[in-house]
Amino acid sequence: MIKVVILAAGMARRLQPLTNSTPKCLLPVGDKTLIDRALISIKAAGLSHVVIVTGFEADQIKKHCQSHYSDINFEWIHNERFEETNNIYSLWLTKETMSGHSLLLLDSDIIFHHQILTNLLESNFENCLALRESDKLGDEEIKVTVDEEGFVKAISKVVDPKQAIGESLGIELFGIGLTYKLFRCVNELIVKQGRDNDFYEVAFEKIIFEGGQIKPVSVGSLPCMEIDTASDLQAAFPLSIQLDHE
């Protein structure tokens, strides 16, 4: 079974004061919140088991989702250390519930076309991630390089933009085998090395170094963007109108 994990623990300081008392995933983009848009896409892809890792204003998120999506089977995991840890720690907290399952991992701060999830699920690659191909990449993007067979070779913010084929969008699909390896690596990074303030892509690179293969799946012209700042939120508004009319 595929379980969807949505990481929604952060405080989104760059969006303050909009996020002073509202978690980023509950900010409206058009007439729907970010998490509404994600959950609608998840349902459209035929998935119904969703694990949400909360932190800041957890009760708001839980109340909103449970009151609007009675047909989704939610699991709730709370990151009590959300103020001092990064998303690798939130992912680590899902290790027990993800045992023996495939993983569809989503960041909670992206607005994206629902077809992107379907394309990953139907890609014929057991382990893959959504990629926006681009030669115009900056410091903030999670950049991806590939090997001669087209599998991910490196994935991080510090990848040389000139070597990258594009940007990872924060949507990944891993089969049971690679999910097991992922959590083994995450556990080593957290427990043995104390790296609880890293991005989870550090673990991706570790499993790749150990022989794991992840295929980037281009989203082509399908829209997708991350919301980090007020200007991002403003730029996402016309995109929301486009998505709502498709």
Protein backbone atom coordinates (compact mmCIF):
# COMPACT_ATOMS: atom_id res chain seq x y z
CA MET A 1 0.00 0.00 0.00
CA ILE A 2 1.13 3.53 -0.76
CA LYS A 3 0.98 5.94 2.15
CA VAL A 4 1.22 9.65 1.47
CA VAL A 5 3.37 11.62 3.91
CA ILE A 6 2.84 15.38 4.06
CA LEU A 7 5.36 17.37 6.07
CA ALA A 8 3.61 20.38 7.64
CA ALA A 9 5.50 21.16 10.84
CA GLY A 10 7.35 24.36 10.01
CA MET A 11 6.73 27.92 11.20
CA ALA A 12 7.22 29.65 7.81
CA ARG A 13 8.99 32.66 9.28
CA ARG A 14 9.60 34.16 5.84
CA LEU A 15 5.85 34.54 5.42
CA GLN A 16 5.26 36.40 8.68
CA PRO A 17 3.06 38.18 9.62
CA LEU A 18 0.73 36.02 7.49
CA THR A 19 1.92 32.98 9.43
CA ASN A 20 2.06 34.51 12.90
CA SER A 21 -0.91 32.38 13.93
CA THR A 22 -1.69 30.39 10.78
CA PRO A 23 0.39 27.48 9.48
CA LYS A 24 1.65 27.92 5.93
CA CYS A 25 -0.34 24.98 4.58
CA LEU A 26 -3.59 26.70 5.62
CA LEU A 27 -2.84 29.90 3.73
CA PRO A 28 -5.35 30.40 0.91
CA VAL A 29 -4.13 30.45 -2.67
CA GLY A 30 -7.18 31.51 -4.59
CA ASP A 31 -10.23 29.90 -3.03
CA LYS A 32 -8.42 26.88 -1.54
CA THR A 33 -5.66 26.44 1.00
CA LEU A 34 -2.39 24.80 0.06
CA ILE A 35 -3.26 21.63 1.93
CA ASP A 36 -6.72 21.53 0.32
CA ARG A 37 -5.07 21.56 -3.07
CA ALA A 38 -2.72 18.75 -2.08
CA LEU A 39 -5.47 16.57 -0.63
CA ILE A 40 -7.73 17.08 -3.66
CA SER A 41 -4.86 15.96 -5.90
CA ILE A 42 -4.17 12.95 -3.67
CA LYS A 43 -7.81 11.88 -3.91
CA ALA A 44 -7.77 12.39 -7.69
CA ALA A 45 -4.78 10.01 -7.86
CA GLY A 46 -6.81 7.33 -6.09
CA LEU A 47 -4.94 7.48 -2.79
CA SER A 48 -6.66 7.69 0.58
CA HIS A 49 -4.12 7.02 3.36
CA VAL A 50 -2.39 10.22 4.40
CA VAL A 51 0.13 10.74 7.20
CA ILE A 52 0.53 14.39 8.19
CA VAL A 53 3.42 15.53 10.37
CA THR A 54 2.41 18.66 12.24
CA GLY A 55 4.25 21.09 14.48
CA PHE A 56 3.28 24.77 14.53
CA GLU A 57 -0.47 25.23 15.12
CA ALA A 58 -1.07 21.50 14.80
CA ASP A 59 -4.66 21.64 16.03
CA GLN A 60 -5.65 24.05 13.25
CA ILE A 61 -4.38 21.68 10.58
CA LYS A 62 -5.97 18.61 12.14
CA LYS A 63 -9.35 20.30 12.60
CA HIS A 64 -9.39 21.64 9.04
CA CYS A 65 -8.49 18.33 7.41
CA GLN A 66 -10.81 16.17 9.49
CA SER A 67 -13.76 18.50 8.95
CA HIS A 68 -13.36 18.63 5.16
CA TYR A 69 -12.04 15.18 4.19
CA SER A 70 -13.96 12.44 5.94
CA ASP A 71 -13.13 10.06 3.08
CA ILE A 72 -9.39 10.23 3.77
CA ASN A 73 -7.78 7.98 6.36
CA PHE A 74 -5.52 10.35 8.28
CA GLU A 75 -2.67 9.52 10.61
CA TRP A 76 -1.29 12.34 12.73
CA ILE A 77 2.27 12.62 13.95
CA HIS A 78 3.40 15.64 15.93
CA ASN A 79 6.92 17.05 15.79
CA GLU A 80 7.33 18.60 19.21
CA ARG A 81 10.72 19.96 18.17
CA PHE A 82 9.41 21.82 15.12
CA GLU A 83 11.11 25.08 16.11
CA GLU A 84 14.61 23.59 16.14
CA THR A 85 14.57 20.81 13.52
CA ASN A 86 14.28 20.56 9.75
CA ASN A 87 12.19 18.34 7.51
CA ILE A 88 14.50 15.32 7.82
CA TYR A 89 13.45 15.06 11.47
CA SER A 90 9.76 15.28 10.62
CA LEU A 91 10.24 12.53 8.05
CA TRP A 92 12.11 10.40 10.61
CA LEU A 93 9.09 10.56 12.93
CA THR A 94 7.05 8.59 10.37
CA LYS A 95 9.43 5.61 10.37
CA GLU A 96 7.17 3.25 12.29
CA THR A 97 3.96 3.92 10.37
CA MET A 98 5.82 3.69 7.05
CA SER A 99 7.33 0.27 7.77
CA GLY A 100 6.34 -2.13 4.99
CA HIS A 101 4.70 0.54 2.81
CA SER A 102 5.54 2.50 -0.29
CA LEU A 103 5.98 6.25 0.22
CA LEU A 104 4.61 9.23 -1.64
CA LEU A 105 6.30 12.20 0.02
CA LEU A 106 4.97 15.74 -0.35
CA ASP A 107 6.10 19.05 1.01
CA SER A 108 3.08 20.96 2.26
CA ASP A 109 4.03 24.29 0.72
CA ILE A 110 3.67 23.52 -2.98
CA ILE A 111 0.86 24.24 -5.40
CA PHE A 112 0.85 21.80 -8.28
CA HIS A 113 -1.21 20.28 -11.09
CA HIS A 114 -2.94 17.07 -9.98
CA GLN A 115 -1.62 15.22 -13.04
CA ILE A 116 1.89 15.33 -11.60
CA LEU A 117 0.97 12.72 -8.98
CA THR A 118 -0.68 10.52 -11.59
CA ASN A 119 2.37 10.79 -13.85
CA LEU A 120 4.64 9.58 -11.05
CA LEU A 121 2.33 6.70 -10.18
CA GLU A 122 2.08 5.65 -13.83
CA SER A 123 5.73 6.27 -14.73
CA ASN A 124 6.82 2.59 -14.57
CA PHE A 125 9.60 3.69 -12.22
CA GLU A 126 9.27 2.29 -8.72
CA ASN A 127 11.41 5.11 -7.33
CA CYS A 128 11.06 8.54 -8.88
CA LEU A 129 10.65 12.23 -8.21
CA ALA A 130 8.96 15.15 -9.94
CA LEU A 131 11.40 17.38 -11.80
CA ARG A 132 11.01 20.76 -13.46
CA GLU A 133 13.58 20.89 -16.22
CA SER A 134 15.28 24.29 -16.27
CA ASP A 135 18.58 25.96 -17.04
CA LYS A 136 17.68 28.97 -14.91
CA LEU A 137 18.31 27.87 -11.34
CA GLY A 138 19.42 29.81 -8.28
CA ASP A 139 20.61 29.17 -4.76
CA GLU A 140 17.24 28.26 -3.25
CA GLU A 141 16.17 25.49 -5.60
CA ILE A 142 16.84 21.83 -4.83
CA LYS A 143 18.87 21.08 -7.94
CA VAL A 144 19.31 17.68 -9.59
CA THR A 145 22.09 16.14 -11.65
CA VAL A 146 21.87 12.72 -13.30
CA ASP A 147 24.28 9.95 -14.28
CA GLU A 148 24.76 8.52 -17.76
CA GLU A 149 21.69 6.30 -17.31
CA GLY A 150 19.47 9.20 -16.33
CA PHE A 151 19.18 8.38 -12.62
CA VAL A 152 19.67 11.02 -9.93
CA LYS A 153 23.34 11.49 -9.13
CA ALA A 154 23.14 14.51 -6.80
CA ILE A 155 20.23 16.44 -5.29
CA SER A 156 20.69 19.48 -3.05
CA LYS A 157 20.72 23.26 -2.94
CA VAL A 158 24.50 23.32 -3.35
CA VAL A 159 24.57 21.46 -6.68
CA ASP A 160 26.23 23.58 -9.37
CA PRO A 161 23.36 25.07 -11.41
CA LYS A 162 25.44 24.64 -14.57
CA GLN A 163 25.51 20.87 -14.02
CA ALA A 164 21.86 20.51 -13.02
CA ILE A 165 19.09 19.37 -15.36
CA GLY A 166 16.40 20.97 -13.27
CA GLU A 167 14.73 21.40 -9.90
CA SER A 168 13.22 18.78 -7.61
CA LEU A 169 9.70 19.91 -6.76
CA GLY A 170 9.29 18.19 -3.39
CA ILE A 171 7.19 15.27 -4.65
CA GLU A 172 8.78 11.80 -4.46
CA LEU A 173 7.54 8.23 -4.89
CA PHE A 174 9.54 5.34 -3.39
CA GLY A 175 8.71 1.65 -3.41
CA ILE A 176 8.84 -0.50 -0.29
CA GLY A 177 12.48 -1.47 -0.77
CA LEU A 178 13.85 2.03 -1.19
CA THR A 179 11.56 3.35 1.54
CA TYR A 180 13.17 0.85 3.92
CA LYS A 181 16.65 2.01 2.85
CA LEU A 182 15.61 5.64 3.16
CA PHE A 183 14.50 5.29 6.75
CA ARG A 184 17.59 3.28 7.63
CA CYS A 185 19.69 6.17 6.32
CA VAL A 186 17.55 8.82 7.99
CA ASN A 187 17.81 6.95 11.29
CA GLU A 188 21.60 6.85 11.00
CA LEU A 189 21.75 10.57 10.23
CA ILE A 190 19.47 11.50 13.13
CA VAL A 191 20.46 9.03 15.84
CA LYS A 192 24.15 8.50 15.17
CA GLN A 193 25.14 11.83 13.64
CA GLY A 194 22.63 14.21 15.23
CA ARG A 195 21.78 15.77 11.88
CA ASP A 196 18.20 16.69 12.73
CA ASN A 197 18.43 20.12 11.12
CA ASP A 198 19.19 18.90 7.58
CA PHE A 199 16.96 18.72 4.54
CA TYR A 200 15.78 15.17 3.78
CA GLU A 201 17.61 15.28 0.43
CA VAL A 202 20.77 14.50 2.43
CA ALA A 203 19.30 11.03 2.98
CA PHE A 204 18.40 10.76 -0.71
CA GLU A 205 22.03 11.35 -1.63
CA LYS A 206 23.16 8.77 0.92
CA ILE A 207 20.94 6.01 -0.48
CA ILE A 208 22.03 6.94 -4.01
CA PHE A 209 25.68 6.64 -2.92
CA GLU A 210 24.83 3.17 -1.57
CA GLY A 211 23.38 2.10 -4.92
CA GLY A 212 19.76 3.24 -4.79
CA GLN A 213 18.31 4.47 -8.08
CA ILE A 214 15.81 7.33 -8.35
CA LYS A 215 14.48 8.43 -11.71
CA PRO A 216 13.51 12.07 -12.29
CA VAL A 217 10.18 12.36 -14.07
CA SER A 218 9.78 15.66 -15.90
CA VAL A 219 6.55 17.53 -15.26
CA GLY A 220 6.87 19.20 -18.64
CA SER A 221 4.57 22.19 -18.84
CA LEU A 222 2.42 21.15 -15.87
CA PRO A 223 2.46 24.00 -13.33
CA CYS A 224 4.03 23.63 -9.90
CA MET A 225 5.67 26.08 -7.50
CA GLU A 226 6.85 26.32 -3.92
CA ILE A 227 5.50 29.00 -1.60
CA ASP A 228 8.20 30.49 0.63
CA THR A 229 7.56 34.24 0.62
CA ALA A 230 4.75 36.75 0.24
CA SER A 231 5.86 37.39 -3.33
CA ASP A 232 5.56 33.65 -4.03
CA LEU A 233 2.06 33.71 -2.65
CA GLN A 234 1.15 36.61 -4.90
CA ALA A 235 2.71 34.92 -7.94
CA ALA A 236 0.78 31.72 -7.21
CA PHE A 237 -2.62 33.41 -7.41
CA PRO A 238 -2.92 33.35 -11.23
CA LEU A 239 -1.65 29.77 -11.17
CA SER A 240 -4.46 28.86 -8.78
CA ILE A 241 -7.00 30.34 -11.18
CA GLN A 242 -5.52 28.28 -14.00
CA LEU A 243 -5.66 25.06 -11.96
CA ASP A 244 -9.21 25.68 -10.81
CA HIS A 245 -10.43 25.97 -14.40
CA GLU A 246 -8.85 22.76 -15.71
